Amino acid sequence: MESGRMDFNGVKVFSATTFDDRLHLGEKITRWIKDHTSCAIVDKVVMQSSDQSFHCITIVLFYNEPV
């Protein structure tokens, strides 16, 4: 890490808009992490957006994977 900057070589984006998808988003992320044990997560961003009809949650994982 240089000057407070996290280095990463991969990004994984998870998002859900329907109630059922939002309900199971944590399980989906956990499954991905278990399936990618060589990836070291270095940061994450959680975002929520809404309009009159939909509520969307997005979780972005930044990771290092050995090359």
Protein backbone atom coordinates (compact mmCIF):
# COMPACT_ATOMS: atom_id res chain seq x y z
CA MET A 1 0.00 0.00 0.00
CA GLU A 2 1.36 3.36 -1.00
CA SER A 3 0.07 6.70 0.31
CA GLY A 4 -3.06 5.11 1.78
CA ARG A 5 -4.00 3.57 -1.58
CA MET A 6 -5.20 -0.04 -1.71
CA ASP A 7 -3.87 -2.02 -4.64
CA PHE A 8 -6.19 -4.52 -6.25
CA ASN A 9 -6.39 -6.47 -9.49
CA GLY A 10 -10.04 -7.53 -9.44
CA VAL A 11 -13.51 -6.14 -8.82
CA LYS A 12 -16.73 -8.10 -8.22
CA VAL A 13 -20.09 -6.32 -8.29
CA PHE A 14 -23.22 -7.72 -6.65
CA SER A 15 -26.56 -5.96 -7.02
CA ALA A 16 -30.20 -6.70 -6.32
CA THR A 17 -33.44 -4.84 -6.93
CA THR A 18 -36.19 -7.30 -6.04
CA PHE A 19 -37.05 -8.12 -2.45
CA ASP A 20 -36.13 -11.79 -2.88
CA ASP A 21 -32.77 -10.94 -4.48
CA ARG A 22 -31.98 -8.44 -1.72
CA LEU A 23 -32.94 -11.02 0.90
CA HIS A 24 -30.41 -13.53 -0.47
CA LEU A 25 -27.64 -11.13 -1.48
CA GLY A 26 -25.50 -11.90 1.59
CA GLU A 27 -25.67 -15.63 0.86
CA LYS A 28 -24.66 -15.00 -2.75
CA ILE A 29 -21.65 -12.93 -1.66
CA THR A 30 -20.64 -15.50 0.97
CA ARG A 31 -20.80 -18.27 -1.64
CA TRP A 32 -18.61 -16.25 -4.03
CA ILE A 33 -16.03 -15.63 -1.29
CA LYS A 34 -15.95 -19.34 -0.39
CA ASP A 35 -15.55 -20.25 -4.08
CA HIS A 36 -12.68 -17.77 -4.53
CA THR A 37 -10.44 -18.45 -1.55
CA SER A 38 -7.36 -17.27 -3.45
CA CYS A 39 -8.84 -13.75 -3.59
CA ALA A 40 -7.92 -11.41 -0.75
CA ILE A 41 -10.58 -8.73 -0.34
CA VAL A 42 -8.92 -5.37 0.26
CA ASP A 43 -11.91 -3.02 0.24
CA LYS A 44 -15.66 -2.82 -0.30
CA VAL A 45 -18.28 -0.24 -1.21
CA VAL A 46 -21.98 -0.51 -0.35
CA MET A 47 -24.46 1.65 -2.26
CA GLN A 48 -28.23 2.01 -2.18
CA SER A 49 -30.39 3.72 -4.75
CA SER A 50 -34.13 4.08 -5.11
CA ASP A 51 -36.74 5.42 -7.43
CA GLN A 52 -40.52 5.38 -7.14
CA SER A 53 -40.73 1.67 -7.94
CA PHE A 54 -37.45 -0.03 -7.08
CA HIS A 55 -34.85 -0.11 -4.34
CA CYS A 56 -31.43 -1.34 -5.41
CA ILE A 57 -28.50 -2.35 -3.25
CA THR A 58 -25.06 -2.77 -4.76
CA ILE A 59 -22.02 -4.21 -3.03
CA VAL A 60 -18.64 -3.92 -4.75
CA LEU A 61 -15.68 -6.02 -3.61
CA PHE A 62 -12.12 -5.01 -4.54
CA TYR A 63 -9.68 -7.88 -4.26
CA ASN A 64 -6.21 -9.13 -5.01
CA GLU A 65 -5.89 -12.45 -6.77
CA PRO A 66 -2.49 -14.04 -7.27
CA VAL A 67 -1.46 -13.87 -10.93
